[in-house]
Amino acid sequence: MLSVRAWRAYATYGYLWARRRVGGHKAISVMLRVKDEAEFLYPAVQSIADFVDEIVLVDNLSRDATPQIIEALAAERPHQIVCYRYPYEVRKVGVDNLDLATDAMGLRSPHLSSMFYNWCLARCSKPYVLKWDGDMIALPQLGAAIDAWRRSDVQVLVLNGANVHPDFEHLVGAVESNWEALAAPLSSRLPKWAATLNYDYPEPRLFPKRCTRYEIVPGFTQKLQTPFLEPPLAPNCIERIEGVSFAHMKFCKRDPFATYSDDLQRAIAANLSVGPPLPEAVVQVLMRYRPTR
């Protein structure tokens, strides 16, 4: 195990190496962890495939048509898609996962979400990883942003997505915008986006695999940890892409809260309303892919 100082020094070396390769090809693996994502998985993969070098699809005990869709995608892109199966039931986001992380045995459990994330990360073969979900559909501007990123010495891209309402015409809206009031009754941490719901909270989704892992920190059981997000590297390594990079179809699924603990499900479901009209870029993408519910 590297010390924190050695870990940062190793990452700094990687960053300097990347700077020497400006203008070269910064190869990307997409990390897709899926469970019962049959509704939007096909357009989610197709929308991102032309922007990346490898797609790592990890199925976690899906009970719907997800395995068949993965098989069809792999047949279409045999030289790009790599498939795995994670054979352990992962605890739900929220108190279910946090309870598991309260003792030494739980911290090593394959049912812990951070263990699952790191297992998936280890199967990515390229030096950069794009964390993607089976209900996210990329917008064309994301491809342009990735092209620009490849030509730069930026290491981390922070992306934001639009949460699509089930009517496919609006963003999701929030009844209550006071995050503290919403979070107060919960045993687990409430996501920041739950107080607005129009958009995802900006997240570092494209990052170097080197020296990166998912760790347990207060309130979270799978938080990205990398020296590229910290001083002294962060100021030169991070770029936040303005605007919306993807349409997030989470709330259009038949069971949008299947991976959340019961208290988290109730808090978010009770706060849902209809938001403003969808941005035109999102409308155009949904017309192109015509995802089925």
Protein backbone atom coordinates (compact mmCIF):
# COMPACT_ATOMS: atom_id res chain seq x y z
CA MET A 1 0.00 0.00 0.00
CA LEU A 2 1.44 3.36 -1.06
CA SER A 3 1.65 6.17 1.46
CA VAL A 4 -0.37 9.32 0.69
CA ARG A 5 2.86 11.13 -0.18
CA ALA A 6 4.04 8.35 -2.50
CA TRP A 7 0.57 8.06 -4.02
CA ARG A 8 0.55 11.76 -4.92
CA ALA A 9 4.12 11.62 -6.25
CA TYR A 10 3.20 8.65 -8.46
CA ALA A 11 0.17 10.52 -9.77
CA THR A 12 2.26 13.64 -10.42
CA TYR A 13 4.64 11.54 -12.51
CA GLY A 14 1.66 10.29 -14.48
CA TYR A 15 0.43 13.83 -15.02
CA LEU A 16 3.84 15.01 -16.27
CA TRP A 17 3.96 12.00 -18.59
CA ALA A 18 0.52 12.93 -19.92
CA ARG A 19 1.68 16.52 -20.57
CA ARG A 20 4.47 15.23 -22.79
CA ARG A 21 1.84 13.42 -24.85
CA VAL A 22 -0.33 16.47 -25.61
CA GLY A 23 -1.69 15.94 -29.10
CA GLY A 24 -1.44 12.16 -28.73
CA HIS A 25 -4.28 9.72 -28.21
CA LYS A 26 -5.59 9.52 -24.64
CA ALA A 27 -7.39 6.18 -24.74
CA ILE A 28 -10.64 5.83 -22.77
CA SER A 29 -12.44 2.88 -21.24
CA VAL A 30 -16.12 3.38 -20.45
CA MET A 31 -17.03 1.75 -17.13
CA LEU A 32 -20.69 0.71 -17.18
CA ARG A 33 -22.08 -1.00 -14.07
CA VAL A 34 -25.59 -2.23 -14.84
CA LYS A 35 -28.43 -3.98 -13.08
CA ASP A 36 -31.87 -4.29 -14.68
CA GLU A 37 -31.16 -1.53 -17.23
CA ALA A 38 -32.99 -3.03 -20.21
CA GLU A 39 -35.08 0.09 -20.81
CA PHE A 40 -32.29 2.44 -21.86
CA LEU A 41 -29.07 0.42 -22.00
CA TYR A 42 -28.92 0.11 -25.79
CA PRO A 43 -29.14 3.86 -26.55
CA ALA A 44 -26.89 4.60 -23.56
CA VAL A 45 -24.09 2.49 -25.05
CA GLN A 46 -24.67 3.52 -28.66
CA SER A 47 -24.64 7.21 -27.77
CA ILE A 48 -21.16 7.06 -26.20
CA ALA A 49 -19.49 4.36 -28.31
CA ASP A 50 -18.03 6.62 -31.01
CA PHE A 51 -16.30 8.83 -28.42
CA VAL A 52 -14.32 6.10 -26.62
CA ASP A 53 -11.92 3.20 -27.23
CA GLU A 54 -13.26 0.44 -24.98
CA ILE A 55 -16.63 -0.26 -23.33
CA VAL A 56 -16.51 -2.39 -20.19
CA LEU A 57 -20.00 -3.69 -19.40
CA VAL A 58 -20.44 -5.29 -15.97
CA ASP A 59 -23.79 -6.91 -15.24
CA ASN A 60 -24.73 -7.27 -11.59
CA LEU A 61 -27.29 -10.08 -11.44
CA SER A 62 -29.88 -8.49 -13.73
CA ARG A 63 -33.27 -10.16 -13.81
CA ASP A 64 -34.67 -8.41 -16.89
CA ALA A 65 -33.45 -8.45 -20.51
CA THR A 66 -30.17 -6.66 -19.69
CA PRO A 67 -27.96 -9.75 -20.34
CA GLN A 68 -29.52 -10.24 -23.77
CA ILE A 69 -28.99 -6.57 -24.66
CA ILE A 70 -25.36 -6.81 -23.54
CA GLU A 71 -24.93 -9.87 -25.75
CA ALA A 72 -26.43 -8.03 -28.74
CA LEU A 73 -24.22 -4.98 -28.18
CA ALA A 74 -21.11 -7.16 -27.88
CA ALA A 75 -22.00 -8.87 -31.16
CA GLU A 76 -22.31 -5.49 -32.88
CA ARG A 77 -19.01 -4.17 -31.47
CA PRO A 78 -16.87 -7.25 -30.74
CA HIS A 79 -13.58 -5.34 -30.83
CA GLN A 80 -14.76 -2.58 -28.50
CA ILE A 81 -17.08 -4.12 -25.90
CA VAL A 82 -15.82 -6.33 -23.06
CA CYS A 83 -18.40 -8.05 -20.83
CA TYR A 84 -18.20 -9.24 -17.24
CA ARG A 85 -20.60 -10.46 -14.58
CA TYR A 86 -20.30 -9.40 -10.94
CA PRO A 87 -21.81 -12.31 -9.00
CA TYR A 88 -22.55 -10.58 -5.67
CA GLU A 89 -25.69 -8.67 -4.73
CA VAL A 90 -24.57 -5.07 -4.11
CA ARG A 91 -26.24 -3.31 -1.17
CA LYS A 92 -28.56 -0.46 -2.06
CA VAL A 93 -27.40 3.16 -2.10
CA GLY A 94 -27.97 4.80 1.26
CA VAL A 95 -28.29 3.29 4.71
CA ASP A 96 -28.11 -0.31 3.40
CA ASN A 97 -24.57 0.25 2.13
CA LEU A 98 -23.53 2.42 5.06
CA ASP A 99 -24.64 -0.20 7.59
CA LEU A 100 -22.43 -2.76 5.86
CA ALA A 101 -19.43 -0.44 6.19
CA THR A 102 -19.64 -0.17 9.99
CA ASP A 103 -17.20 -3.00 10.81
CA ALA A 104 -14.01 -4.54 9.47
CA MET A 105 -15.77 -7.52 7.90
CA GLY A 106 -18.24 -5.28 6.08
CA LEU A 107 -15.45 -3.08 4.73
CA ARG A 108 -14.06 -6.11 2.90
CA SER A 109 -17.42 -7.41 1.73
CA PRO A 110 -17.98 -7.90 -2.03
CA HIS A 111 -21.53 -6.61 -1.37
CA LEU A 112 -20.19 -3.13 -0.56
CA SER A 113 -20.61 -0.67 -3.43
CA SER A 114 -17.02 0.63 -3.24
CA MET A 115 -15.73 -2.93 -3.67
CA PHE A 116 -17.99 -3.33 -6.70
CA TYR A 117 -16.84 -0.03 -8.23
CA ASN A 118 -13.16 -0.87 -7.73
CA TRP A 119 -13.68 -4.36 -9.18
CA CYS A 120 -15.16 -2.76 -12.30
CA LEU A 121 -12.42 -0.12 -12.46
CA ALA A 122 -9.75 -2.83 -12.39
CA ARG A 123 -11.21 -4.38 -15.55
CA CYS A 124 -10.77 -1.21 -17.59
CA SER A 125 -7.65 -1.59 -19.75
CA LYS A 126 -7.18 1.98 -20.96
CA PRO A 127 -5.34 4.75 -19.06
CA TYR A 128 -8.49 6.90 -18.72
CA VAL A 129 -11.93 5.88 -17.51
CA LEU A 130 -15.34 7.37 -18.23
CA LYS A 131 -17.88 6.44 -15.57
CA TRP A 132 -21.17 5.94 -17.37
CA ASP A 133 -24.61 4.61 -16.38
CA GLY A 134 -27.05 2.40 -18.23
CA ASP A 135 -29.68 5.15 -18.19
CA MET A 136 -27.51 8.02 -19.53
CA ILE A 137 -27.66 9.11 -23.19
CA ALA A 138 -24.77 11.27 -24.41
CA LEU A 139 -25.42 14.55 -26.21
CA PRO A 140 -23.33 15.41 -29.29
CA GLN A 141 -21.53 18.21 -27.43
CA LEU A 142 -19.95 15.59 -25.16
CA GLY A 143 -18.13 14.16 -28.17
CA ALA A 144 -16.76 17.61 -29.01
CA ALA A 145 -15.67 18.09 -25.39
CA ILE A 146 -13.86 14.73 -25.38
CA ASP A 147 -12.12 15.55 -28.67
CA ALA A 148 -10.85 18.82 -27.17
CA TRP A 149 -9.83 17.02 -23.97
CA ARG A 150 -7.76 14.50 -25.94
CA ARG A 151 -5.73 17.37 -27.43
CA SER A 152 -5.16 19.00 -24.03
CA ASP A 153 -3.26 18.14 -20.86
CA VAL A 154 -6.47 18.21 -18.80
CA GLN A 155 -6.86 14.97 -16.85
CA VAL A 156 -10.37 15.15 -15.35
CA LEU A 157 -13.65 16.21 -16.97
CA VAL A 158 -16.56 17.19 -14.72
CA LEU A 159 -19.90 16.52 -16.42
CA ASN A 160 -23.52 17.38 -15.75
CA GLY A 161 -26.72 15.76 -17.01
CA ALA A 162 -30.36 16.76 -17.48
CA ASN A 163 -32.89 14.65 -15.57
CA VAL A 164 -35.70 13.84 -18.01
CA HIS A 165 -39.30 13.76 -16.74
CA PRO A 166 -41.37 10.67 -17.67
CA ASP A 167 -43.44 12.82 -20.06
CA PHE A 168 -40.29 13.21 -22.24
CA GLU A 169 -41.09 16.93 -22.59
CA HIS A 170 -39.82 18.43 -19.34
CA LEU A 171 -37.03 18.27 -16.85
CA VAL A 172 -37.82 16.73 -13.49
CA GLY A 173 -38.69 19.38 -10.90
CA ALA A 174 -38.51 19.53 -7.10
CA VAL A 175 -41.29 20.33 -4.64
CA GLU A 176 -38.84 21.30 -1.86
CA SER A 177 -35.53 23.04 -2.63
CA ASN A 178 -34.20 23.15 0.95
CA TRP A 179 -31.60 20.39 0.98
CA GLU A 180 -31.09 20.52 4.74
CA ALA A 181 -34.81 20.01 5.38
CA LEU A 182 -34.95 17.08 2.97
CA ALA A 183 -31.83 15.46 4.42
CA ALA A 184 -32.69 15.88 8.11
CA PRO A 185 -34.85 12.72 8.53
CA LEU A 186 -32.42 10.44 6.68
CA SER A 187 -29.84 8.09 8.17
CA SER A 188 -27.76 8.28 4.98
CA ARG A 189 -26.51 11.21 2.94
CA LEU A 190 -28.98 12.76 0.50
CA PRO A 191 -27.53 13.53 -2.96
CA LYS A 192 -27.17 17.27 -3.59
CA TRP A 193 -29.20 17.04 -6.78
CA ALA A 194 -32.26 15.87 -4.81
CA ALA A 195 -33.05 19.47 -3.82
CA THR A 196 -33.32 20.69 -7.42
CA LEU A 197 -33.76 17.51 -9.51
CA ASN A 198 -33.56 19.41 -12.83
CA TYR A 199 -29.93 18.41 -13.27
CA ASP A 200 -27.42 15.96 -11.84
CA TYR A 201 -24.84 17.34 -9.45
CA PRO A 202 -21.64 18.02 -11.51
CA GLU A 203 -19.43 14.96 -11.14
CA PRO A 204 -15.87 14.06 -12.21
CA ARG A 205 -16.78 11.33 -14.70
CA LEU A 206 -13.70 11.17 -16.95
CA PHE A 207 -10.47 10.63 -15.04
CA PRO A 208 -7.09 8.82 -15.12
CA LYS A 209 -7.13 5.24 -13.93
CA ARG A 210 -3.69 5.76 -12.37
CA CYS A 211 -3.86 6.20 -8.56
CA THR A 212 -7.67 6.32 -8.64
CA ARG A 213 -10.03 4.29 -6.47
CA TYR A 214 -13.42 4.48 -4.81
CA GLU A 215 -13.33 4.82 -1.05
CA ILE A 216 -15.68 5.12 1.89
CA VAL A 217 -15.88 8.63 3.33
CA PRO A 218 -18.47 10.06 5.76
CA GLY A 219 -21.88 9.74 4.14
CA PHE A 220 -20.63 7.93 1.03
CA THR A 221 -19.68 4.33 0.33
CA GLN A 222 -18.24 4.90 -3.15
CA LYS A 223 -16.59 8.30 -3.54
CA LEU A 224 -13.95 8.85 -6.21
CA GLN A 225 -10.53 9.47 -4.68
CA THR A 226 -7.63 10.62 -6.85
CA PRO A 227 -4.79 13.10 -6.38
CA PHE A 228 -5.85 14.73 -9.64
CA LEU A 229 -8.79 16.24 -7.71
CA GLU A 230 -6.54 17.64 -4.96
CA PRO A 231 -3.76 20.25 -4.66
CA PRO A 232 -1.25 20.64 -6.17
CA LEU A 233 -2.58 18.86 -9.29
CA ALA A 234 -6.23 19.94 -9.32
CA PRO A 235 -5.90 23.50 -10.70
CA ASN A 236 -4.19 22.28 -13.88
CA CYS A 237 -5.93 18.93 -14.20
CA ILE A 238 -9.68 19.58 -13.93
CA GLU A 239 -12.06 21.07 -16.46
CA ARG A 240 -15.78 21.46 -15.92
CA ILE A 241 -17.80 21.18 -19.12
CA GLU A 242 -20.39 23.94 -19.14
CA GLY A 243 -23.97 23.05 -19.93
CA VAL A 244 -25.49 19.59 -20.25
CA SER A 245 -23.45 16.61 -21.48
CA PHE A 246 -26.09 13.87 -21.30
CA ALA A 247 -29.77 13.10 -20.84
CA HIS A 248 -30.32 11.13 -17.65
CA MET A 249 -33.31 8.81 -18.03
CA LYS A 250 -33.37 7.59 -14.42
CA PHE A 251 -36.82 8.96 -13.64
CA CYS A 252 -38.31 7.57 -16.85
CA LYS A 253 -37.74 3.97 -15.78
CA ARG A 254 -40.51 1.79 -14.39
CA ASP A 255 -38.62 1.53 -11.10
CA PRO A 256 -36.29 4.55 -10.85
CA PHE A 257 -35.41 3.89 -7.20
CA ALA A 258 -34.60 0.18 -7.37
CA THR A 259 -31.00 0.71 -6.21
CA TYR A 260 -31.85 3.11 -3.35
CA SER A 261 -32.52 2.24 0.28
CA ASP A 262 -36.13 2.62 1.44
CA ASP A 263 -35.68 5.95 3.25
CA LEU A 264 -33.84 7.46 0.29
CA GLN A 265 -36.53 6.23 -2.08
CA ARG A 266 -39.26 7.90 -0.05
CA ALA A 267 -37.42 11.21 0.29
CA ILE A 268 -36.69 11.60 -3.42
CA ALA A 269 -40.01 10.21 -4.70
CA ALA A 270 -41.97 12.61 -2.46
CA ASN A 271 -40.01 15.56 -3.86
CA LEU A 272 -40.65 14.91 -7.55
CA SER A 273 -42.61 17.33 -9.72
CA VAL A 274 -42.67 18.60 -13.30
CA GLY A 275 -39.89 21.03 -14.13
CA PRO A 276 -39.24 23.41 -17.03
CA PRO A 277 -39.23 22.25 -20.67
CA LEU A 278 -36.32 20.09 -21.80
CA PRO A 279 -33.40 21.87 -23.46
CA GLU A 280 -33.61 21.59 -27.25
CA ALA A 281 -30.39 19.56 -27.41
CA VAL A 282 -31.97 16.89 -25.20
CA VAL A 283 -35.18 16.88 -27.26
CA GLN A 284 -33.19 16.25 -30.43
CA VAL A 285 -31.32 13.33 -28.88
CA LEU A 286 -34.47 11.69 -27.57
CA MET A 287 -36.03 11.99 -31.03
CA ARG A 288 -32.98 10.29 -32.54
CA TYR A 289 -32.78 7.37 -30.16
CA ARG A 290 -36.48 7.07 -29.39
CA PRO A 291 -35.89 5.07 -26.18
CA THR A 292 -38.71 2.74 -25.22
CA ARG A 293 -40.20 2.55 -21.73
